[in-house]
PDB file of N, CA and C in Angstrom:
ATOM      1  N   GLN A   1     123.580 215.794  76.544  1.00  0.00           N
ATOM      2  CA  GLN A   1     123.315 217.111  75.991  1.00  0.00           C
ATOM      3  C   GLN A   1     123.582 217.091  74.488  1.00  0.00           C
ATOM      4  N   VAL A   2     123.052 218.086  73.815  1.00  0.00           N
ATOM      5  CA  VAL A   2     123.212 218.166  72.370  1.00  0.00           C
ATOM      6  C   VAL A   2     124.617 218.632  72.023  1.00  0.00           C
ATOM      7  N   GLN A   3     125.207 217.948  71.076  1.00  0.00           N
ATOM      8  CA  GLN A   3     126.519 218.352  70.556  1.00  0.00           C
ATOM      9  C   GLN A   3     126.495 218.337  69.043  1.00  0.00           C
ATOM     10  N   LEU A   4     127.027 219.391  68.471  1.00  0.00           N
ATOM     11  CA  LEU A   4     127.265 219.473  67.035  1.00  0.00           C
ATOM     12  C   LEU A   4     128.756 219.713  66.854  1.00  0.00           C
ATOM     13  N   VAL A   5     129.400 218.852  66.096  1.00  0.00           N
ATOM     14  CA  VAL A   5     130.852 218.938  65.942  1.00  0.00           C
ATOM     15  C   VAL A   5     131.200 219.016  64.464  1.00  0.00           C
ATOM     16  N   GLU A   6     131.753 220.159  64.063  1.00  0.00           N
ATOM     17  CA  GLU A   6     132.159 220.358  62.678  1.00  0.00           C
ATOM     18  C   GLU A   6     133.583 219.858  62.463  1.00  0.00           C
ATOM     19  N   SER A   7     133.850 219.460  61.241  1.00  0.00           N
ATOM     20  CA  SER A   7     135.201 219.064  60.844  1.00  0.00           C
ATOM     21  C   SER A   7     135.353 219.275  59.349  1.00  0.00           C
ATOM     22  N   GLY A   8     136.603 219.217  58.893  1.00  0.00           N
ATOM     23  CA  GLY A   8     136.870 219.302  57.463  1.00  0.00           C
ATOM     24  C   GLY A   8     137.396 220.636  56.975  1.00  0.00           C
ATOM     25  N   GLY A   9     137.490 221.606  57.868  1.00  0.00           N
ATOM     26  CA  GLY A   9     138.035 222.889  57.453  1.00  0.00           C
ATOM     27  C   GLY A   9     139.520 222.815  57.179  1.00  0.00           C
ATOM     28  N   GLY A  10     140.064 223.895  56.645  1.00  0.00           N
ATOM     29  CA  GLY A  10     141.492 223.921  56.375  1.00  0.00           C
ATOM     30  C   GLY A  10     141.881 225.102  55.518  1.00  0.00           C
ATOM     31  N   LEU A  11     143.137 225.068  55.078  1.00  0.00           N
ATOM     32  CA  LEU A  11     143.701 226.110  54.225  1.00  0.00           C
ATOM     33  C   LEU A  11     143.843 225.555  52.814  1.00  0.00           C
ATOM     34  N   VAL A  12     143.203 226.219  51.867  1.00  0.00           N
ATOM     35  CA  VAL A  12     143.269 225.782  50.473  1.00  0.00           C
ATOM     36  C   VAL A  12     143.480 226.987  49.577  1.00  0.00           C
ATOM     37  N   GLN A  13     143.844 226.709  48.328  1.00  0.00           N
ATOM     38  CA  GLN A  13     143.995 227.773  47.343  1.00  0.00           C
ATOM     39  C   GLN A  13     142.667 228.029  46.634  1.00  0.00           C
ATOM     40  N   ALA A  14     142.547 229.210  46.095  1.00  0.00           N
ATOM     41  CA  ALA A  14     141.346 229.553  45.339  1.00  0.00           C
ATOM     42  C   ALA A  14     141.124 228.523  44.230  1.00  0.00           C
ATOM     43  N   GLY A  15     139.861 228.151  44.063  1.00  0.00           N
ATOM     44  CA  GLY A  15     139.513 227.159  43.056  1.00  0.00           C
ATOM     45  C   GLY A  15     139.433 225.736  43.582  1.00  0.00           C
ATOM     46  N   ALA A  16     139.941 225.530  44.767  1.00  0.00           N
ATOM     47  CA  ALA A  16     139.940 224.188  45.352  1.00  0.00           C
ATOM     48  C   ALA A  16     138.575 223.853  45.967  1.00  0.00           C
ATOM     49  N   SER A  17     138.501 222.634  46.469  1.00  0.00           N
ATOM     50  CA  SER A  17     137.261 222.160  47.105  1.00  0.00           C
ATOM     51  C   SER A  17     137.537 221.690  48.522  1.00  0.00           C
ATOM     52  N   LEU A  18     136.514 221.783  49.339  1.00  0.00           N
ATOM     53  CA  LEU A  18     136.544 221.230  50.691  1.00  0.00           C
ATOM     54  C   LEU A  18     135.177 220.644  50.999  1.00  0.00           C
ATOM     55  N   ARG A  19     135.162 219.650  51.858  1.00  0.00           N
ATOM     56  CA  ARG A  19     133.901 219.087  52.326  1.00  0.00           C
ATOM     57  C   ARG A  19     133.849 219.180  53.842  1.00  0.00           C
ATOM     58  N   LEU A  20     132.920 219.954  54.331  1.00  0.00           N
ATOM     59  CA  LEU A  20     132.718 220.063  55.764  1.00  0.00           C
ATOM     60  C   LEU A  20     131.707 219.019  56.226  1.00  0.00           C
ATOM     61  N   SER A  21     131.920 218.527  57.419  1.00  0.00           N
ATOM     62  CA  SER A  21     130.981 217.590  58.040  1.00  0.00           C
ATOM     63  C   SER A  21     130.567 218.133  59.399  1.00  0.00           C
ATOM     64  N   CYS A  22     129.387 217.781  59.811  1.00  0.00           N
ATOM     65  CA  CYS A  22     128.900 218.155  61.135  1.00  0.00           C
ATOM     66  C   CYS A  22     128.164 216.948  61.713  1.00  0.00           C
ATOM     67  N   GLY A  23     128.741 216.359  62.738  1.00  0.00           N
ATOM     68  CA  GLY A  23     128.128 215.235  63.404  1.00  0.00           C
ATOM     69  C   GLY A  23     127.304 215.689  64.594  1.00  0.00           C
ATOM     70  N   ALA A  24     126.118 215.132  64.728  1.00  0.00           N
ATOM     71  CA  ALA A  24     125.207 215.540  65.798  1.00  0.00           C
ATOM     72  C   ALA A  24     124.969 214.396  66.763  1.00  0.00           C
ATOM     73  N   SER A  25     124.826 214.732  68.024  1.00  0.00           N
ATOM     74  CA  SER A  25     124.466 213.757  69.058  1.00  0.00           C
ATOM     75  C   SER A  25     123.591 214.439  70.093  1.00  0.00           C
ATOM     76  N   GLY A  26     122.833 213.610  70.817  1.00  0.00           N
ATOM     77  CA  GLY A  26     121.985 214.158  71.869  1.00  0.00           C
ATOM     78  C   GLY A  26     120.649 214.699  71.402  1.00  0.00           C
ATOM     79  N   LEU A  27     120.336 214.485  70.138  1.00  0.00           N
ATOM     80  CA  LEU A  27     119.043 214.911  69.621  1.00  0.00           C
ATOM     81  C   LEU A  27     118.569 213.910  68.572  1.00  0.00           C
ATOM     82  N   THR A  28     117.292 213.968  68.265  1.00  0.00           N
ATOM     83  CA  THR A  28     116.745 213.113  67.205  1.00  0.00           C
ATOM     84  C   THR A  28     116.991 213.828  65.893  1.00  0.00           C
ATOM     85  N   PHE A  29     118.098 213.479  65.279  1.00  0.00           N
ATOM     86  CA  PHE A  29     118.625 214.243  64.150  1.00  0.00           C
ATOM     87  C   PHE A  29     117.599 214.425  63.038  1.00  0.00           C
ATOM     88  N   SER A  30     116.840 213.394  62.759  1.00  0.00           N
ATOM     89  CA  SER A  30     115.901 213.448  61.637  1.00  0.00           C
ATOM     90  C   SER A  30     114.723 214.380  61.897  1.00  0.00           C
ATOM     91  N   ARG A  31     114.630 214.933  63.092  1.00  0.00           N
ATOM     92  CA  ARG A  31     113.566 215.882  63.404  1.00  0.00           C
ATOM     93  C   ARG A  31     114.057 217.325  63.357  1.00  0.00           C
ATOM     94  N   TYR A  32     115.270 217.506  62.853  1.00  0.00           N
ATOM     95  CA  TYR A  32     115.854 218.839  62.816  1.00  0.00           C
ATOM     96  C   TYR A  32     116.273 219.218  61.408  1.00  0.00           C
ATOM     97  N   ALA A  33     115.913 220.432  61.013  1.00  0.00           N
ATOM     98  CA  ALA A  33     116.534 221.029  59.844  1.00  0.00           C
ATOM     99  C   ALA A  33     117.944 221.442  60.252  1.00  0.00           C
ATOM    100  N   MET A  34     118.857 221.385  59.299  1.00  0.00           N
ATOM    101  CA  MET A  34     120.255 221.711  59.589  1.00  0.00           C
ATOM    102  C   MET A  34     120.735 222.836  58.680  1.00  0.00           C
ATOM    103  N   GLY A  35     121.435 223.765  59.276  1.00  0.00           N
ATOM    104  CA  GLY A  35     121.945 224.890  58.504  1.00  0.00           C
ATOM    105  C   GLY A  35     123.434 225.043  58.662  1.00  0.00           C
ATOM    106  N   TRP A  36     124.030 225.696  57.675  1.00  0.00           N
ATOM    107  CA  TRP A  36     125.421 226.122  57.749  1.00  0.00           C
ATOM    108  C   TRP A  36     125.442 227.642  57.697  1.00  0.00           C
ATOM    109  N   PHE A  37     126.235 228.222  58.575  1.00  0.00           N
ATOM    110  CA  PHE A  37     126.449 229.660  58.633  1.00  0.00           C
ATOM    111  C   PHE A  37     127.954 229.903  58.641  1.00  0.00           C
ATOM    112  N   ARG A  38     128.343 231.129  58.384  1.00  0.00           N
ATOM    113  CA  ARG A  38     129.768 231.456  58.448  1.00  0.00           C
ATOM    114  C   ARG A  38     129.954 232.873  58.972  1.00  0.00           C
ATOM    115  N   GLN A  39     131.123 233.098  59.526  1.00  0.00           N
ATOM    116  CA  GLN A  39     131.461 234.421  60.037  1.00  0.00           C
ATOM    117  C   GLN A  39     132.905 234.722  59.713  1.00  0.00           C
ATOM    118  N   ALA A  40     133.088 235.763  58.934  1.00  0.00           N
ATOM    119  CA  ALA A  40     134.425 236.227  58.587  1.00  0.00           C
ATOM    120  C   ALA A  40     134.879 237.265  59.601  1.00  0.00           C
ATOM    121  N   PRO A  41     136.189 237.462  59.740  1.00  0.00           N
ATOM    122  CA  PRO A  41     136.691 238.452  60.707  1.00  0.00           C
ATOM    123  C   PRO A  41     136.103 239.831  60.455  1.00  0.00           C
ATOM    124  N   GLY A  42     135.579 240.437  61.506  1.00  0.00           N
ATOM    125  CA  GLY A  42     135.036 241.780  61.399  1.00  0.00           C
ATOM    126  C   GLY A  42     133.672 241.869  60.742  1.00  0.00           C
ATOM    127  N   LYS A  43     133.086 240.709  60.435  1.00  0.00           N
ATOM    128  CA  LYS A  43     131.775 240.712  59.775  1.00  0.00           C
ATOM    129  C   LYS A  43     130.755 239.966  60.623  1.00  0.00           C
ATOM    130  N   GLU A  44     129.502 240.197  60.335  1.00  0.00           N
ATOM    131  CA  GLU A  44     128.447 239.485  61.033  1.00  0.00           C
ATOM    132  C   GLU A  44     128.317 238.066  60.474  1.00  0.00           C
ATOM    133  N   ARG A  45     127.769 237.217  61.310  1.00  0.00           N
ATOM    134  CA  ARG A  45     127.495 235.860  60.859  1.00  0.00           C
ATOM    135  C   ARG A  45     126.467 235.906  59.727  1.00  0.00           C
ATOM    136  N   GLU A  46     126.665 235.044  58.730  1.00  0.00           N
ATOM    137  CA  GLU A  46     125.737 235.032  57.615  1.00  0.00           C
ATOM    138  C   GLU A  46     125.310 233.615  57.267  1.00  0.00           C
ATOM    139  N   PHE A  47     124.132 233.514  56.750  1.00  0.00           N
ATOM    140  CA  PHE A  47     123.570 232.244  56.303  1.00  0.00           C
ATOM    141  C   PHE A  47     124.311 231.749  55.072  1.00  0.00           C
ATOM    142  N   VAL A  48     124.526 230.430  55.023  1.00  0.00           N
ATOM    143  CA  VAL A  48     125.158 229.808  53.858  1.00  0.00           C
ATOM    144  C   VAL A  48     124.184 228.850  53.163  1.00  0.00           C
ATOM    145  N   ALA A  49     123.652 227.881  53.927  1.00  0.00           N
ATOM    146  CA  ALA A  49     122.783 226.870  53.330  1.00  0.00           C
ATOM    147  C   ALA A  49     121.958 226.211  54.416  1.00  0.00           C
ATOM    148  N   VAL A  50     120.837 225.647  54.001  1.00  0.00           N
ATOM    149  CA  VAL A  50     119.970 224.919  54.939  1.00  0.00           C
ATOM    150  C   VAL A  50     119.370 223.728  54.213  1.00  0.00           C
ATOM    151  N   ILE A  51     119.130 222.667  54.970  1.00  0.00           N
ATOM    152  CA  ILE A  51     118.499 221.474  54.430  1.00  0.00           C
ATOM    153  C   ILE A  51     117.391 221.047  55.395  1.00  0.00           C
ATOM    154  N   SER A  52     116.277 220.649  54.834  1.00  0.00           N
ATOM    155  CA  SER A  52     115.141 220.235  55.658  1.00  0.00           C
ATOM    156  C   SER A  52     115.439 218.912  56.358  1.00  0.00           C
ATOM    157  N   TRP A  53     114.576 218.553  57.299  1.00  0.00           N
ATOM    158  CA  TRP A  53     114.806 217.346  58.081  1.00  0.00           C
ATOM    159  C   TRP A  53     114.905 216.105  57.201  1.00  0.00           C
ATOM    160  N   SER A  54     114.169 216.081  56.114  1.00  0.00           N
ATOM    161  CA  SER A  54     114.164 214.910  55.229  1.00  0.00           C
ATOM    162  C   SER A  54     115.234 214.972  54.161  1.00  0.00           C
ATOM    163  N   GLY A  55     115.797 216.148  53.974  1.00  0.00           N
ATOM    164  CA  GLY A  55     116.736 216.334  52.882  1.00  0.00           C
ATOM    165  C   GLY A  55     116.062 216.708  51.579  1.00  0.00           C
ATOM    166  N   GLY A  56     114.756 216.801  51.590  1.00  0.00           N
ATOM    167  CA  GLY A  56     114.034 217.064  50.360  1.00  0.00           C
ATOM    168  C   GLY A  56     114.011 218.515  49.925  1.00  0.00           C
ATOM    169  N   SER A  57     114.410 219.397  50.810  1.00  0.00           N
ATOM    170  CA  SER A  57     114.407 220.823  50.491  1.00  0.00           C
ATOM    171  C   SER A  57     115.715 221.449  50.927  1.00  0.00           C
ATOM    172  N   THR A  58     116.292 222.236  50.042  1.00  0.00           N
ATOM    173  CA  THR A  58     117.524 222.950  50.360  1.00  0.00           C
ATOM    174  C   THR A  58     117.401 224.407  49.909  1.00  0.00           C
ATOM    175  N   SER A  59     118.211 225.236  50.522  1.00  0.00           N
ATOM    176  CA  SER A  59     118.243 226.646  50.145  1.00  0.00           C
ATOM    177  C   SER A  59     119.657 227.158  50.363  1.00  0.00           C
ATOM    178  N   TYR A  60     120.067 228.110  49.513  1.00  0.00           N
ATOM    179  CA  TYR A  60     121.435 228.601  49.562  1.00  0.00           C
ATOM    180  C   TYR A  60     121.481 230.117  49.525  1.00  0.00           C
ATOM    181  N   ALA A  61     122.525 230.659  50.114  1.00  0.00           N
ATOM    182  CA  ALA A  61     122.798 232.071  49.935  1.00  0.00           C
ATOM    183  C   ALA A  61     123.197 232.303  48.479  1.00  0.00           C
ATOM    184  N   THR A  62     122.865 233.465  47.978  1.00  0.00           N
ATOM    185  CA  THR A  62     123.172 233.781  46.584  1.00  0.00           C
ATOM    186  C   THR A  62     124.663 233.659  46.298  1.00  0.00           C
ATOM    187  N   SER A  63     125.476 234.035  47.270  1.00  0.00           N
ATOM    188  CA  SER A  63     126.930 234.060  47.076  1.00  0.00           C
ATOM    189  C   SER A  63     127.541 232.674  46.899  1.00  0.00           C
ATOM    190  N   VAL A  64     126.838 231.621  47.297  1.00  0.00           N
ATOM    191  CA  VAL A  64     127.400 230.271  47.208  1.00  0.00           C
ATOM    192  C   VAL A  64     126.609 229.370  46.275  1.00  0.00           C
ATOM    193  N   LYS A  65     125.485 229.835  45.799  1.00  0.00           N
ATOM    194  CA  LYS A  65     124.629 229.007  44.957  1.00  0.00           C
ATOM    195  C   LYS A  65     125.384 228.576  43.711  1.00  0.00           C
ATOM    196  N   GLY A  66     125.292 227.277  43.417  1.00  0.00           N
ATOM    197  CA  GLY A  66     125.992 226.729  42.261  1.00  0.00           C
ATOM    198  C   GLY A  66     127.391 226.252  42.582  1.00  0.00           C
ATOM    199  N   ARG A  67     127.935 226.640  43.728  1.00  0.00           N
ATOM    200  CA  ARG A  67     129.287 226.200  44.129  1.00  0.00           C
ATOM    201  C   ARG A  67     129.243 225.274  45.349  1.00  0.00           C
ATOM    202  N   PHE A  68     128.300 225.505  46.243  1.00  0.00           N
ATOM    203  CA  PHE A  68     128.193 224.723  47.480  1.00  0.00           C
ATOM    204  C   PHE A  68     126.973 223.810  47.397  1.00  0.00           C
ATOM    205  N   THR A  69     127.090 222.650  48.037  1.00  0.00           N
ATOM    206  CA  THR A  69     125.973 221.714  48.109  1.00  0.00           C
ATOM    207  C   THR A  69     125.846 221.191  49.531  1.00  0.00           C
ATOM    208  N   ILE A  70     124.662 221.326  50.090  1.00  0.00           N
ATOM    209  CA  ILE A  70     124.382 220.797  51.422  1.00  0.00           C
ATOM    210  C   ILE A  70     123.669 219.459  51.268  1.00  0.00           C
ATOM    211  N   SER A  71     124.028 218.506  52.125  1.00  0.00           N
ATOM    212  CA  SER A  71     123.378 217.202  52.106  1.00  0.00           C
ATOM    213  C   SER A  71     123.389 216.641  53.526  1.00  0.00           C
ATOM    214  N   ARG A  72     122.657 215.580  53.722  1.00  0.00           N
ATOM    215  CA  ARG A  72     122.621 214.983  55.057  1.00  0.00           C
ATOM    216  C   ARG A  72     122.437 213.483  54.948  1.00  0.00           C
ATOM    217  N   ASP A  73     122.896 212.802  55.979  1.00  0.00           N
ATOM    218  CA  ASP A  73     122.718 211.363  56.100  1.00  0.00           C
ATOM    219  C   ASP A  73     122.107 211.127  57.483  1.00  0.00           C
ATOM    220  N   ASN A  74     120.819 210.913  57.517  1.00  0.00           N
ATOM    221  CA  ASN A  74     120.143 210.768  58.802  1.00  0.00           C
ATOM    222  C   ASN A  74     120.551 209.490  59.533  1.00  0.00           C
ATOM    223  N   ALA A  75     121.002 208.500  58.796  1.00  0.00           N
ATOM    224  CA  ALA A  75     121.464 207.270  59.438  1.00  0.00           C
ATOM    225  C   ALA A  75     122.778 207.495  60.188  1.00  0.00           C
ATOM    226  N   LYS A  76     123.535 208.488  59.759  1.00  0.00           N
ATOM    227  CA  LYS A  76     124.824 208.794  60.391  1.00  0.00           C
ATOM    228  C   LYS A  76     124.773 210.060  61.243  1.00  0.00           C
ATOM    229  N   ASN A  77     123.588 210.672  61.348  1.00  0.00           N
ATOM    230  CA  ASN A  77     123.440 211.912  62.137  1.00  0.00           C
ATOM    231  C   ASN A  77     124.456 212.968  61.696  1.00  0.00           C
ATOM    232  N   THR A  78     124.597 213.104  60.393  1.00  0.00           N
ATOM    233  CA  THR A  78     125.632 213.994  59.868  1.00  0.00           C
ATOM    234  C   THR A  78     125.081 214.848  58.731  1.00  0.00           C
ATOM    235  N   VAL A  79     125.483 216.096  58.719  1.00  0.00           N
ATOM    236  CA  VAL A  79     125.188 217.003  57.617  1.00  0.00           C
ATOM    237  C   VAL A  79     126.513 217.427  56.992  1.00  0.00           C
ATOM    238  N   TYR A  80     126.481 217.621  55.682  1.00  0.00           N
ATOM    239  CA  TYR A  80     127.698 217.937  54.933  1.00  0.00           C
ATOM    240  C   TYR A  80     127.531 219.260  54.190  1.00  0.00           C
ATOM    241  N   LEU A  81     128.661 219.875  53.910  1.00  0.00           N
ATOM    242  CA  LEU A  81     128.685 221.028  53.028  1.00  0.00           C
ATOM    243  C   LEU A  81     129.845 220.830  52.061  1.00  0.00           C
ATOM    244  N   GLN A  82     129.512 220.500  50.825  1.00  0.00           N
ATOM    245  CA  GLN A  82     130.514 220.363  49.775  1.00  0.00           C
ATOM    246  C   GLN A  82     130.751 221.740  49.174  1.00  0.00           C
ATOM    247  N   MET A  83     131.973 222.202  49.234  1.00  0.00           N
ATOM    248  CA  MET A  83     132.312 223.541  48.752  1.00  0.00           C
ATOM    249  C   MET A  83     133.286 223.417  47.602  1.00  0.00           C
ATOM    250  N   ASN A  84     132.864 223.835  46.430  1.00  0.00           N
ATOM    251  CA  ASN A  84     133.693 223.790  45.230  1.00  0.00           C
ATOM    252  C   ASN A  84     134.010 225.204  44.764  1.00  0.00           C
ATOM    253  N   SER A  85     135.009 225.313  43.931  1.00  0.00           N
ATOM    254  CA  SER A  85     135.399 226.603  43.358  1.00  0.00           C
ATOM    255  C   SER A  85     135.519 227.667  44.446  1.00  0.00           C
ATOM    256  N   LEU A  86     136.240 227.337  45.470  1.00  0.00           N
ATOM    257  CA  LEU A  86     136.353 228.247  46.602  1.00  0.00           C
ATOM    258  C   LEU A  86     137.050 229.547  46.217  1.00  0.00           C
ATOM    259  N   LYS A  87     136.608 230.610  46.850  1.00  0.00           N
ATOM    260  CA  LYS A  87     137.138 231.946  46.599  1.00  0.00           C
ATOM    261  C   LYS A  87     137.693 232.517  47.909  1.00  0.00           C
ATOM    262  N   PRO A  88     138.605 233.472  47.830  1.00  0.00           N
ATOM    263  CA  PRO A  88     139.128 234.079  49.062  1.00  0.00           C
ATOM    264  C   PRO A  88     138.021 234.649  49.945  1.00  0.00           C
ATOM    265  N   GLU A  89     136.969 235.135  49.343  1.00  0.00           N
ATOM    266  CA  GLU A  89     135.872 235.700  50.130  1.00  0.00           C
ATOM    267  C   GLU A  89     135.046 234.644  50.861  1.00  0.00           C
ATOM    268  N   ASP A  90     135.334 233.381  50.621  1.00  0.00           N
ATOM    269  CA  ASP A  90     134.687 232.312  51.390  1.00  0.00           C
ATOM    270  C   ASP A  90     135.406 232.066  52.722  1.00  0.00           C
ATOM    271  N   THR A  91     136.524 232.714  52.920  1.00  0.00           N
ATOM    272  CA  THR A  91     137.279 232.554  54.162  1.00  0.00           C
ATOM    273  C   THR A  91     136.427 232.983  55.353  1.00  0.00           C
ATOM    274  N   ALA A  92     136.277 232.078  56.313  1.00  0.00           N
ATOM    275  CA  ALA A  92     135.438 232.336  57.481  1.00  0.00           C
ATOM    276  C   ALA A  92     135.490 231.127  58.407  1.00  0.00           C
ATOM    277  N   VAL A  93     134.932 231.311  59.582  1.00  0.00           N
ATOM    278  CA  VAL A  93     134.634 230.172  60.448  1.00  0.00           C
ATOM    279  C   VAL A  93     133.235 229.698  60.071  1.00  0.00           C
ATOM    280  N   TYR A  94     133.127 228.412  59.794  1.00  0.00           N
ATOM    281  CA  TYR A  94     131.861 227.832  59.376  1.00  0.00           C
ATOM    282  C   TYR A  94     131.230 227.076  60.551  1.00  0.00           C
ATOM    283  N   TYR A  95     129.953 227.347  60.760  1.00  0.00           N
ATOM    284  CA  TYR A  95     129.210 226.740  61.866  1.00  0.00           C
ATOM    285  C   TYR A  95     128.031 225.951  61.324  1.00  0.00           C
ATOM    286  N   CYS A  96     127.782 224.801  61.925  1.00  0.00           N
ATOM    287  CA  CYS A  96     126.522 224.129  61.640  1.00  0.00           C
ATOM    288  C   CYS A  96     125.561 224.409  62.791  1.00  0.00           C
ATOM    289  N   ALA A  97     124.287 224.341  62.479  1.00  0.00           N
ATOM    290  CA  ALA A  97     123.253 224.646  63.460  1.00  0.00           C
ATOM    291  C   ALA A  97     122.038 223.770  63.207  1.00  0.00           C
ATOM    292  N   ALA A  98     121.304 223.487  64.270  1.00  0.00           N
ATOM    293  CA  ALA A  98     120.127 222.630  64.195  1.00  0.00           C
ATOM    294  C   ALA A  98     118.892 223.391  64.640  1.00  0.00           C
ATOM    295  N   ARG A  99     117.811 223.180  63.909  1.00  0.00           N
ATOM    296  CA  ARG A  99     116.548 223.842  64.223  1.00  0.00           C
ATOM    297  C   ARG A  99     115.439 222.800  64.172  1.00  0.00           C
ATOM    298  N   ALA A 100     114.684 222.703  65.247  1.00  0.00           N
ATOM    299  CA  ALA A 100     113.579 221.756  65.280  1.00  0.00           C
ATOM    300  C   ALA A 100     112.690 221.981  64.059  1.00  0.00           C
ATOM    301  N   ALA A 101     112.342 220.874  63.417  1.00  0.00           N
ATOM    302  CA  ALA A 101     111.641 220.951  62.131  1.00  0.00           C
ATOM    303  C   ALA A 101     110.312 221.685  62.239  1.00  0.00           C
ATOM    304  N   ARG A 102     110.090 222.574  61.285  1.00  0.00           N
ATOM    305  CA  ARG A 102     108.835 223.291  61.140  1.00  0.00           C
ATOM    306  C   ARG A 102     108.413 223.221  59.688  1.00  0.00           C
ATOM    307  N   LEU A 103     107.314 223.870  59.367  1.00  0.00           N
ATOM    308  CA  LEU A 103     106.805 223.793  58.002  1.00  0.00           C
ATOM    309  C   LEU A 103     107.818 224.330  56.993  1.00  0.00           C
ATOM    310  N   PHE A 104     108.514 225.391  57.369  1.00  0.00           N
ATOM    311  CA  PHE A 104     109.488 225.988  56.474  1.00  0.00           C
ATOM    312  C   PHE A 104     110.857 226.024  57.144  1.00  0.00           C
ATOM    313  N   THR A 105     111.905 225.930  56.356  1.00  0.00           N
ATOM    314  CA  THR A 105     113.254 226.107  56.876  1.00  0.00           C
ATOM    315  C   THR A 105     113.526 227.587  57.080  1.00  0.00           C
ATOM    316  N   SER A 106     114.604 227.891  57.772  1.00  0.00           N
ATOM    317  CA  SER A 106     114.913 229.282  58.110  1.00  0.00           C
ATOM    318  C   SER A 106     116.333 229.627  57.735  1.00  0.00           C
ATOM    319  N   THR A 107     116.524 230.868  57.300  1.00  0.00           N
ATOM    320  CA  THR A 107     117.864 231.380  57.029  1.00  0.00           C
ATOM    321  C   THR A 107     118.340 232.291  58.153  1.00  0.00           C
ATOM    322  N   ARG A 108     117.558 232.433  59.200  1.00  0.00           N
ATOM    323  CA  ARG A 108     117.886 233.315  60.317  1.00  0.00           C
ATOM    324  C   ARG A 108     118.567 232.547  61.435  1.00  0.00           C
ATOM    325  N   GLY A 109     119.763 232.974  61.757  1.00  0.00           N
ATOM    326  CA  GLY A 109     120.524 232.285  62.789  1.00  0.00           C
ATOM    327  C   GLY A 109     119.836 232.283  64.140  1.00  0.00           C
ATOM    328  N   ASP A 110     119.098 233.331  64.449  1.00  0.00           N
ATOM    329  CA  ASP A 110     118.460 233.420  65.767  1.00  0.00           C
ATOM    330  C   ASP A 110     117.282 232.476  65.917  1.00  0.00           C
ATOM    331  N   GLU A 111     116.948 231.770  64.859  1.00  0.00           N
ATOM    332  CA  GLU A 111     115.859 230.801  64.929  1.00  0.00           C
ATOM    333  C   GLU A 111     116.365 229.367  65.091  1.00  0.00           C
ATOM    334  N   TYR A 112     117.664 229.215  65.241  1.00  0.00           N
ATOM    335  CA  TYR A 112     118.243 227.888  65.415  1.00  0.00           C
ATOM    336  C   TYR A 112     118.449 227.589  66.892  1.00  0.00           C
ATOM    337  N   ASP A 113     118.309 226.316  67.213  1.00  0.00           N
ATOM    338  CA  ASP A 113     118.310 225.894  68.606  1.00  0.00           C
ATOM    339  C   ASP A 113     119.693 225.512  69.125  1.00  0.00           C
ATOM    340  N   TYR A 114     120.498 224.927  68.278  1.00  0.00           N
ATOM    341  CA  TYR A 114     121.811 224.433  68.707  1.00  0.00           C
ATOM    342  C   TYR A 114     122.868 224.799  67.672  1.00  0.00           C
ATOM    343  N   TRP A 115     124.093 224.985  68.178  1.00  0.00           N
ATOM    344  CA  TRP A 115     125.210 225.401  67.333  1.00  0.00           C
ATOM    345  C   TRP A 115     126.455 224.576  67.642  1.00  0.00           C
ATOM    346  N   GLY A 116     127.257 224.376  66.598  1.00  0.00           N
ATOM    347  CA  GLY A 116     128.563 223.773  66.797  1.00  0.00           C
ATOM    348  C   GLY A 116     129.597 224.827  67.147  1.00  0.00           C
ATOM    349  N   GLN A 117     130.825 224.377  67.324  1.00  0.00           N
ATOM    350  CA  GLN A 117     131.893 225.279  67.749  1.00  0.00           C
ATOM    351  C   GLN A 117     132.593 225.951  66.569  1.00  0.00           C
ATOM    352  N   GLY A 118     132.352 225.450  65.384  1.00  0.00           N
ATOM    353  CA  GLY A 118     132.908 226.065  64.190  1.00  0.00           C
ATOM    354  C   GLY A 118     134.180 225.413  63.699  1.00  0.00           C
ATOM    355  N   THR A 119     134.424 225.548  62.404  1.00  0.00           N
ATOM    356  CA  THR A 119     135.654 225.073  61.783  1.00  0.00           C
ATOM    357  C   THR A 119     136.145 226.147  60.821  1.00  0.00           C
ATOM    358  N   GLN A 120     137.444 226.399  60.843  1.00  0.00           N
ATOM    359  CA  GLN A 120     138.019 227.484  60.043  1.00  0.00           C
ATOM    360  C   GLN A 120     138.244 227.026  58.609  1.00  0.00           C
ATOM    361  N   VAL A 121     137.809 227.855  57.690  1.00  0.00           N
ATOM    362  CA  VAL A 121     138.100 227.664  56.268  1.00  0.00           C
ATOM    363  C   VAL A 121     138.848 228.903  55.788  1.00  0.00           C
ATOM    364  N   THR A 122     140.034 228.690  55.233  1.00  0.00           N
ATOM    365  CA  THR A 122     140.835 229.791  54.724  1.00  0.00           C
ATOM    366  C   THR A 122     141.178 229.511  53.275  1.00  0.00           C
ATOM    367  N   VAL A 123     140.840 230.459  52.417  1.00  0.00           N
ATOM    368  CA  VAL A 123     141.098 230.313  50.984  1.00  0.00           C
ATOM    369  C   VAL A 123     142.087 231.379  50.566  1.00  0.00           C
ATOM    370  N   SER A 124     143.223 230.944  50.085  1.00  0.00           N
ATOM    371  CA  SER A 124     144.260 231.885  49.664  1.00  0.00           C
ATOM    372  C   SER A 124     144.122 232.167  48.171  1.00  0.00           C
ATOM    373  N   SER A 125     144.538 233.361  47.796  1.00  0.00           N
ATOM    374  CA  SER A 125     144.422 233.758  46.374  1.00  0.00           C
ATOM    375  C   SER A 125     145.646 233.391  45.587  1.00  0.00           C
TER     376      SER A 125
END
């Protein structure tokens, strides 16, 4: 079965960096666009970033653009989220998700096929 496993979360101070990883198994990774989403307590899940199956196209939420970078290594079946200049408002559970490749990537969570269990990121002020 398909598994997506996130890692790399933790507790950091504002201004610090973290790198999240998401390892995938049970699917042909290079045929899936990969996204990162997050959900803060009491808030709806929101889109963070997406990368196309080839890695040639990326898109970011306005709130993280210029601070976060999504990348992937298809040889390792892994997608990454490099988070720099973290802010307290970045505190959330971060989820990776996989969507079978189509002409365009998607920022809508309901269009993704598989989800990981999430990793907690907490940024203190």
